[in-house]
Amino acid sequence: MYSTRFCPYCIRARGLLESKQVSFTDIAVDGQPDRRQEMEVRSGRYTVPQIWIGEHHVGGYDDLALLERQGRLDELLAMAS
């Protein structure tokens, strides 16, 4: 997950992933233009967070939360581990 420290959507994404007790890599892009550019190239998006589960680009927090509401997040997490 690419994120910034204080973005409310990043904080929510971290909280949701932590509630699932999954390990994840949090790549901070604040103050790191190279990392932000890497995120933009990989995702085609300019906003944070940008979340991947395995090789699957989920998108942002709203996309992650939608997967959870649809009951699909656990399945995706299981497939990636």
PDB file of N, CA and C in Angstrom:
ATOM      1  N   MET A   1       0.841  -1.165   0.000  1.00  0.00           N
ATOM      2  CA  MET A   1       0.000   0.000   0.000  1.00  0.00           C
ATOM      3  C   MET A   1       0.890   1.234   0.000  1.00  0.00           C
ATOM      4  N   TYR A   2       0.618   2.134  -0.916  1.00  0.00           N
ATOM      5  CA  TYR A   2       1.261   3.442  -0.923  1.00  0.00           C
ATOM      6  C   TYR A   2       0.356   4.382  -0.146  1.00  0.00           C
ATOM      7  N   SER A   3       0.940   5.174   0.735  1.00  0.00           N
ATOM      8  CA  SER A   3       0.115   6.027   1.584  1.00  0.00           C
ATOM      9  C   SER A   3       0.900   7.238   2.059  1.00  0.00           C
ATOM     10  N   THR A   4       0.196   8.110   2.759  1.00  0.00           N
ATOM     11  CA  THR A   4       0.834   9.183   3.506  1.00  0.00           C
ATOM     12  C   THR A   4       0.453   8.991   4.975  1.00  0.00           C
ATOM     13  N   ARG A   5       1.185   9.628   5.845  1.00  0.00           N
ATOM     14  CA  ARG A   5       0.969   9.415   7.280  1.00  0.00           C
ATOM     15  C   ARG A   5      -0.372   9.929   7.771  1.00  0.00           C
ATOM     16  N   PHE A   6      -0.825  11.067   7.250  1.00  0.00           N
ATOM     17  CA  PHE A   6      -1.979  11.728   7.852  1.00  0.00           C
ATOM     18  C   PHE A   6      -3.244  11.703   7.008  1.00  0.00           C
ATOM     19  N   CYS A   7      -3.215  11.080   5.865  1.00  0.00           N
ATOM     20  CA  CYS A   7      -4.393  10.982   5.003  1.00  0.00           C
ATOM     21  C   CYS A   7      -5.461  10.144   5.720  1.00  0.00           C
ATOM     22  N   PRO A   8      -6.689  10.685   5.890  1.00  0.00           N
ATOM     23  CA  PRO A   8      -7.721   9.928   6.610  1.00  0.00           C
ATOM     24  C   PRO A   8      -8.082   8.614   5.922  1.00  0.00           C
ATOM     25  N   TYR A   9      -8.031   8.580   4.601  1.00  0.00           N
ATOM     26  CA  TYR A   9      -8.331   7.334   3.893  1.00  0.00           C
ATOM     27  C   TYR A   9      -7.217   6.309   4.075  1.00  0.00           C
ATOM     28  N   CYS A  10      -5.985   6.778   4.169  1.00  0.00           N
ATOM     29  CA  CYS A  10      -4.860   5.878   4.438  1.00  0.00           C
ATOM     30  C   CYS A  10      -4.997   5.273   5.835  1.00  0.00           C
ATOM     31  N   ILE A  11      -5.366   6.098   6.781  1.00  0.00           N
ATOM     32  CA  ILE A  11      -5.547   5.628   8.157  1.00  0.00           C
ATOM     33  C   ILE A  11      -6.661   4.580   8.208  1.00  0.00           C
ATOM     34  N   ARG A  12      -7.746   4.817   7.501  1.00  0.00           N
ATOM     35  CA  ARG A  12      -8.850   3.848   7.461  1.00  0.00           C
ATOM     36  C   ARG A  12      -8.420   2.549   6.790  1.00  0.00           C
ATOM     37  N   ALA A  13      -7.653   2.650   5.708  1.00  0.00           N
ATOM     38  CA  ALA A  13      -7.176   1.442   5.014  1.00  0.00           C
ATOM     39  C   ALA A  13      -6.281   0.625   5.937  1.00  0.00           C
ATOM     40  N   ARG A  14      -5.356   1.300   6.625  1.00  0.00           N
ATOM     41  CA  ARG A  14      -4.491   0.587   7.579  1.00  0.00           C
ATOM     42  C   ARG A  14      -5.335  -0.109   8.641  1.00  0.00           C
ATOM     43  N   GLY A  15      -6.323   0.605   9.170  1.00  0.00           N
ATOM     44  CA  GLY A  15      -7.181   0.032  10.205  1.00  0.00           C
ATOM     45  C   GLY A  15      -7.938  -1.190   9.727  1.00  0.00           C
ATOM     46  N   LEU A  16      -8.463  -1.137   8.517  1.00  0.00           N
ATOM     47  CA  LEU A  16      -9.206  -2.278   7.983  1.00  0.00           C
ATOM     48  C   LEU A  16      -8.279  -3.472   7.781  1.00  0.00           C
ATOM     49  N   LEU A  17      -7.102  -3.231   7.210  1.00  0.00           N
ATOM     50  CA  LEU A  17      -6.160  -4.337   7.006  1.00  0.00           C
ATOM     51  C   LEU A  17      -5.674  -4.899   8.338  1.00  0.00           C
ATOM     52  N   GLU A  18      -5.415  -4.033   9.307  1.00  0.00           N
ATOM     53  CA  GLU A  18      -4.993  -4.514  10.627  1.00  0.00           C
ATOM     54  C   GLU A  18      -6.100  -5.310  11.301  1.00  0.00           C
ATOM     55  N   SER A  19      -7.363  -4.917  11.103  1.00  0.00           N
ATOM     56  CA  SER A  19      -8.475  -5.663  11.702  1.00  0.00           C
ATOM     57  C   SER A  19      -8.581  -7.073  11.115  1.00  0.00           C
ATOM     58  N   LYS A  20      -8.070  -7.234   9.900  1.00  0.00           N
ATOM     59  CA  LYS A  20      -8.053  -8.553   9.250  1.00  0.00           C
ATOM     60  C   LYS A  20      -6.827  -9.359   9.670  1.00  0.00           C
ATOM     61  N   GLN A  21      -5.961  -8.744  10.464  1.00  0.00           N
ATOM     62  CA  GLN A  21      -4.739  -9.374  10.965  1.00  0.00           C
ATOM     63  C   GLN A  21      -3.864  -9.905   9.832  1.00  0.00           C
ATOM     64  N   VAL A  22      -3.744  -9.091   8.797  1.00  0.00           N
ATOM     65  CA  VAL A  22      -2.848  -9.436   7.691  1.00  0.00           C
ATOM     66  C   VAL A  22      -1.644  -8.509   7.741  1.00  0.00           C
ATOM     67  N   SER A  23      -0.517  -9.038   7.348  1.00  0.00           N
ATOM     68  CA  SER A  23       0.660  -8.187   7.271  1.00  0.00           C
ATOM     69  C   SER A  23       0.647  -7.476   5.921  1.00  0.00           C
ATOM     70  N   PHE A  24       1.136  -6.255   5.924  1.00  0.00           N
ATOM     71  CA  PHE A  24       1.191  -5.498   4.679  1.00  0.00           C
ATOM     72  C   PHE A  24       2.365  -4.539   4.743  1.00  0.00           C
ATOM     73  N   THR A  25       2.820  -4.145   3.585  1.00  0.00           N
ATOM     74  CA  THR A  25       3.892  -3.173   3.470  1.00  0.00           C
ATOM     75  C   THR A  25       3.271  -1.816   3.209  1.00  0.00           C
ATOM     76  N   ASP A  26       3.618  -0.850   4.021  1.00  0.00           N
ATOM     77  CA  ASP A  26       3.094   0.505   3.902  1.00  0.00           C
ATOM     78  C   ASP A  26       4.223   1.393   3.385  1.00  0.00           C
ATOM     79  N   ILE A  27       4.105   1.822   2.150  1.00  0.00           N
ATOM     80  CA  ILE A  27       5.141   2.635   1.514  1.00  0.00           C
ATOM     81  C   ILE A  27       4.720   4.099   1.602  1.00  0.00           C
ATOM     82  N   ALA A  28       5.423   4.852   2.431  1.00  0.00           N
ATOM     83  CA  ALA A  28       5.094   6.267   2.632  1.00  0.00           C
ATOM     84  C   ALA A  28       5.600   7.078   1.440  1.00  0.00           C
ATOM     85  N   VAL A  29       4.710   7.871   0.862  1.00  0.00           N
ATOM     86  CA  VAL A  29       5.096   8.708  -0.271  1.00  0.00           C
ATOM     87  C   VAL A  29       5.221  10.174   0.111  1.00  0.00           C
ATOM     88  N   ASP A  30       4.844  10.540   1.341  1.00  0.00           N
ATOM     89  CA  ASP A  30       4.960  11.950   1.712  1.00  0.00           C
ATOM     90  C   ASP A  30       6.434  12.325   1.785  1.00  0.00           C
ATOM     91  N   GLY A  31       6.769  13.383   1.056  1.00  0.00           N
ATOM     92  CA  GLY A  31       8.141  13.856   1.027  1.00  0.00           C
ATOM     93  C   GLY A  31       9.081  12.993   0.211  1.00  0.00           C
ATOM     94  N   GLN A  32       8.536  12.047  -0.549  1.00  0.00           N
ATOM     95  CA  GLN A  32       9.371  11.157  -1.353  1.00  0.00           C
ATOM     96  C   GLN A  32       8.864  11.135  -2.801  1.00  0.00           C
ATOM     97  N   PRO A  33       9.280  12.115  -3.599  1.00  0.00           N
ATOM     98  CA  PRO A  33       8.762  12.213  -4.961  1.00  0.00           C
ATOM     99  C   PRO A  33       9.030  10.965  -5.816  1.00  0.00           C
ATOM    100  N   ASP A  34      10.141  10.279  -5.575  1.00  0.00           N
ATOM    101  CA  ASP A  34      10.430   9.061  -6.348  1.00  0.00           C
ATOM    102  C   ASP A  34       9.410   7.966  -6.053  1.00  0.00           C
ATOM    103  N   ARG A  35       9.048   7.815  -4.783  1.00  0.00           N
ATOM    104  CA  ARG A  35       8.056   6.802  -4.398  1.00  0.00           C
ATOM    105  C   ARG A  35       6.674   7.164  -4.923  1.00  0.00           C
ATOM    106  N   ARG A  36       6.331   8.451  -4.871  1.00  0.00           N
ATOM    107  CA  ARG A  36       5.027   8.890  -5.395  1.00  0.00           C
ATOM    108  C   ARG A  36       4.963   8.633  -6.899  1.00  0.00           C
ATOM    109  N   GLN A  37       6.039   8.929  -7.613  1.00  0.00           N
ATOM    110  CA  GLN A  37       6.058   8.684  -9.052  1.00  0.00           C
ATOM    111  C   GLN A  37       5.941   7.182  -9.342  1.00  0.00           C
ATOM    112  N   GLU A  38       6.619   6.374  -8.546  1.00  0.00           N
ATOM    113  CA  GLU A  38       6.506   4.910  -8.670  1.00  0.00           C
ATOM    114  C   GLU A  38       5.048   4.476  -8.515  1.00  0.00           C
ATOM    115  N   MET A  39       4.367   5.029  -7.510  1.00  0.00           N
ATOM    116  CA  MET A  39       2.958   4.716  -7.271  1.00  0.00           C
ATOM    117  C   MET A  39       2.113   5.118  -8.477  1.00  0.00           C
ATOM    118  N   GLU A  40       2.346   6.313  -9.003  1.00  0.00           N
ATOM    119  CA  GLU A  40       1.566   6.809 -10.129  1.00  0.00           C
ATOM    120  C   GLU A  40       1.765   5.949 -11.369  1.00  0.00           C
ATOM    121  N   VAL A  41       2.986   5.530 -11.614  1.00  0.00           N
ATOM    122  CA  VAL A  41       3.273   4.677 -12.769  1.00  0.00           C
ATOM    123  C   VAL A  41       2.600   3.316 -12.598  1.00  0.00           C
ATOM    124  N   ARG A  42       2.719   2.729 -11.408  1.00  0.00           N
ATOM    125  CA  ARG A  42       2.137   1.404 -11.161  1.00  0.00           C
ATOM    126  C   ARG A  42       0.620   1.414 -11.214  1.00  0.00           C
ATOM    127  N   SER A  43       0.003   2.457 -10.648  1.00  0.00           N
ATOM    128  CA  SER A  43      -1.449   2.453 -10.494  1.00  0.00           C
ATOM    129  C   SER A  43      -2.187   3.259 -11.561  1.00  0.00           C
ATOM    130  N   GLY A  44      -1.493   4.220 -12.166  1.00  0.00           N
ATOM    131  CA  GLY A  44      -2.170   5.126 -13.079  1.00  0.00           C
ATOM    132  C   GLY A  44      -3.015   6.151 -12.344  1.00  0.00           C
ATOM    133  N   ARG A  45      -2.842   6.234 -11.035  1.00  0.00           N
ATOM    134  CA  ARG A  45      -3.604   7.159 -10.199  1.00  0.00           C
ATOM    135  C   ARG A  45      -2.659   8.043  -9.403  1.00  0.00           C
ATOM    136  N   TYR A  46      -3.204   9.182  -8.959  1.00  0.00           N
ATOM    137  CA  TYR A  46      -2.389  10.172  -8.269  1.00  0.00           C
ATOM    138  C   TYR A  46      -2.754  10.332  -6.797  1.00  0.00           C
ATOM    139  N   THR A  47      -3.769   9.632  -6.335  1.00  0.00           N
ATOM    140  CA  THR A  47      -4.236   9.801  -4.966  1.00  0.00           C
ATOM    141  C   THR A  47      -3.792   8.631  -4.091  1.00  0.00           C
ATOM    142  N   VAL A  48      -3.739   8.897  -2.794  1.00  0.00           N
ATOM    143  CA  VAL A  48      -3.412   7.847  -1.827  1.00  0.00           C
ATOM    144  C   VAL A  48      -4.647   7.548  -1.000  1.00  0.00           C
ATOM    145  N   PRO A  49      -4.743   6.353  -0.492  1.00  0.00           N
ATOM    146  CA  PRO A  49      -3.820   5.243  -0.678  1.00  0.00           C
ATOM    147  C   PRO A  49      -4.050   4.549  -2.018  1.00  0.00           C
ATOM    148  N   GLN A  50      -3.041   3.830  -2.452  1.00  0.00           N
ATOM    149  CA  GLN A  50      -3.159   2.893  -3.562  1.00  0.00           C
ATOM    150  C   GLN A  50      -2.768   1.540  -2.998  1.00  0.00           C
ATOM    151  N   ILE A  51      -3.663   0.588  -3.139  1.00  0.00           N
ATOM    152  CA  ILE A  51      -3.546  -0.687  -2.431  1.00  0.00           C
ATOM    153  C   ILE A  51      -3.481  -1.841  -3.424  1.00  0.00           C
ATOM    154  N   TRP A  52      -2.553  -2.745  -3.164  1.00  0.00           N
ATOM    155  CA  TRP A  52      -2.455  -3.993  -3.910  1.00  0.00           C
ATOM    156  C   TRP A  52      -2.629  -5.129  -2.919  1.00  0.00           C
ATOM    157  N   ILE A  53      -3.279  -6.165  -3.363  1.00  0.00           N
ATOM    158  CA  ILE A  53      -3.321  -7.417  -2.607  1.00  0.00           C
ATOM    159  C   ILE A  53      -2.697  -8.439  -3.534  1.00  0.00           C
ATOM    160  N   GLY A  54      -1.507  -8.876  -3.160  1.00  0.00           N
ATOM    161  CA  GLY A  54      -0.722  -9.681  -4.087  1.00  0.00           C
ATOM    162  C   GLY A  54      -0.403  -8.810  -5.297  1.00  0.00           C
ATOM    163  N   GLU A  55      -0.658  -9.334  -6.469  1.00  0.00           N
ATOM    164  CA  GLU A  55      -0.428  -8.579  -7.703  1.00  0.00           C
ATOM    165  C   GLU A  55      -1.672  -7.831  -8.162  1.00  0.00           C
ATOM    166  N   HIS A  56      -2.768  -7.970  -7.434  1.00  0.00           N
ATOM    167  CA  HIS A  56      -4.044  -7.351  -7.807  1.00  0.00           C
ATOM    168  C   HIS A  56      -4.135  -5.925  -7.268  1.00  0.00           C
ATOM    169  N   HIS A  57      -4.264  -4.955  -8.173  1.00  0.00           N
ATOM    170  CA  HIS A  57      -4.423  -3.562  -7.755  1.00  0.00           C
ATOM    171  C   HIS A  57      -5.877  -3.357  -7.359  1.00  0.00           C
ATOM    172  N   VAL A  58      -6.098  -3.119  -6.075  1.00  0.00           N
ATOM    173  CA  VAL A  58      -7.442  -2.910  -5.541  1.00  0.00           C
ATOM    174  C   VAL A  58      -7.916  -1.498  -5.851  1.00  0.00           C
ATOM    175  N   GLY A  59      -7.033  -0.520  -5.691  1.00  0.00           N
ATOM    176  CA  GLY A  59      -7.385   0.886  -5.842  1.00  0.00           C
ATOM    177  C   GLY A  59      -7.197   1.588  -4.515  1.00  0.00           C
ATOM    178  N   GLY A  60      -8.126   2.464  -4.171  1.00  0.00           N
ATOM    179  CA  GLY A  60      -8.034   3.231  -2.936  1.00  0.00           C
ATOM    180  C   GLY A  60      -8.848   2.620  -1.809  1.00  0.00           C
ATOM    181  N   TYR A  61      -9.003   3.405  -0.743  1.00  0.00           N
ATOM    182  CA  TYR A  61      -9.736   2.904   0.419  1.00  0.00           C
ATOM    183  C   TYR A  61     -11.185   2.577   0.076  1.00  0.00           C
ATOM    184  N   ASP A  62     -11.845   3.423  -0.701  1.00  0.00           N
ATOM    185  CA  ASP A  62     -13.249   3.152  -1.042  1.00  0.00           C
ATOM    186  C   ASP A  62     -13.390   1.807  -1.737  1.00  0.00           C
ATOM    187  N   ASP A  63     -12.426   1.471  -2.594  1.00  0.00           N
ATOM    188  CA  ASP A  63     -12.451   0.185  -3.293  1.00  0.00           C
ATOM    189  C   ASP A  63     -12.233  -0.973  -2.317  1.00  0.00           C
ATOM    190  N   LEU A  64     -11.316  -0.779  -1.376  1.00  0.00           N
ATOM    191  CA  LEU A  64     -11.048  -1.793  -0.356  1.00  0.00           C
ATOM    192  C   LEU A  64     -12.279  -2.013   0.515  1.00  0.00           C
ATOM    193  N   ALA A  65     -12.911  -0.927   0.943  1.00  0.00           N
ATOM    194  CA  ALA A  65     -14.104  -1.016   1.785  1.00  0.00           C
ATOM    195  C   ALA A  65     -15.257  -1.680   1.035  1.00  0.00           C
ATOM    196  N   LEU A  66     -15.370  -1.417  -0.259  1.00  0.00           N
ATOM    197  CA  LEU A  66     -16.414  -2.052  -1.062  1.00  0.00           C
ATOM    198  C   LEU A  66     -16.202  -3.565  -1.112  1.00  0.00           C
ATOM    199  N   LEU A  67     -14.963  -3.994  -1.300  1.00  0.00           N
ATOM    200  CA  LEU A  67     -14.671  -5.437  -1.272  1.00  0.00           C
ATOM    201  C   LEU A  67     -15.102  -6.046   0.055  1.00  0.00           C
ATOM    202  N   GLU A  68     -14.847  -5.341   1.144  1.00  0.00           N
ATOM    203  CA  GLU A  68     -15.239  -5.834   2.473  1.00  0.00           C
ATOM    204  C   GLU A  68     -16.761  -5.932   2.579  1.00  0.00           C
ATOM    205  N   ARG A  69     -17.469  -4.907   2.147  1.00  0.00           N
ATOM    206  CA  ARG A  69     -18.940  -4.924   2.214  1.00  0.00           C
ATOM    207  C   ARG A  69     -19.536  -6.026   1.344  1.00  0.00           C
ATOM    208  N   GLN A  70     -18.890  -6.315   0.234  1.00  0.00           N
ATOM    209  CA  GLN A  70     -19.368  -7.359  -0.671  1.00  0.00           C
ATOM    210  C   GLN A  70     -18.982  -8.757  -0.195  1.00  0.00           C
ATOM    211  N   GLY A  71     -18.171  -8.837   0.861  1.00  0.00           N
ATOM    212  CA  GLY A  71     -17.733 -10.129   1.370  1.00  0.00           C
ATOM    213  C   GLY A  71     -16.646 -10.761   0.527  1.00  0.00           C
ATOM    214  N   ARG A  72     -15.954  -9.972  -0.280  1.00  0.00           N
ATOM    215  CA  ARG A  72     -14.929 -10.502  -1.183  1.00  0.00           C
ATOM    216  C   ARG A  72     -13.502 -10.260  -0.698  1.00  0.00           C
ATOM    217  N   LEU A  73     -13.342  -9.409   0.304  1.00  0.00           N
ATOM    218  CA  LEU A  73     -11.993  -9.065   0.755  1.00  0.00           C
ATOM    219  C   LEU A  73     -11.264 -10.260   1.361  1.00  0.00           C
ATOM    220  N   ASP A  74     -11.926 -11.023   2.214  1.00  0.00           N
ATOM    221  CA  ASP A  74     -11.283 -12.182   2.850  1.00  0.00           C
ATOM    222  C   ASP A  74     -10.794 -13.174   1.808  1.00  0.00           C
ATOM    223  N   GLU A  75     -11.602 -13.403   0.796  1.00  0.00           N
ATOM    224  CA  GLU A  75     -11.222 -14.343  -0.269  1.00  0.00           C
ATOM    225  C   GLU A  75      -9.973 -13.847  -1.006  1.00  0.00           C
ATOM    226  N   LEU A  76      -9.950 -12.573  -1.324  1.00  0.00           N
ATOM    227  CA  LEU A  76      -8.808 -11.995  -2.023  1.00  0.00           C
ATOM    228  C   LEU A  76      -7.546 -12.061  -1.160  1.00  0.00           C
ATOM    229  N   LEU A  77      -7.691 -11.778   0.132  1.00  0.00           N
ATOM    230  CA  LEU A  77      -6.549 -11.860   1.046  1.00  0.00           C
ATOM    231  C   LEU A  77      -6.051 -13.301   1.163  1.00  0.00           C
ATOM    232  N   ALA A  78      -6.966 -14.251   1.214  1.00  0.00           N
ATOM    233  CA  ALA A  78      -6.571 -15.657   1.318  1.00  0.00           C
ATOM    234  C   ALA A  78      -5.824 -16.126   0.071  1.00  0.00           C
ATOM    235  N   MET A  79      -6.281 -15.675  -1.083  1.00  0.00           N
ATOM    236  CA  MET A  79      -5.627 -16.063  -2.331  1.00  0.00           C
ATOM    237  C   MET A  79      -4.204 -15.497  -2.428  1.00  0.00           C
ATOM    238  N   ALA A  80      -3.982 -14.342  -1.814  1.00  0.00           N
ATOM    239  CA  ALA A  80      -2.667 -13.688  -1.898  1.00  0.00           C
ATOM    240  C   ALA A  80      -1.664 -14.251  -0.908  1.00  0.00           C
ATOM    241  N   SER A  81      -2.137 -14.935   0.133  1.00  0.00           N
ATOM    242  CA  SER A  81      -1.183 -15.427   1.145  1.00  0.00           C
ATOM    243  C   SER A  81      -0.747 -16.843   0.898  1.00  0.00           C
TER     244      SER A  81
END
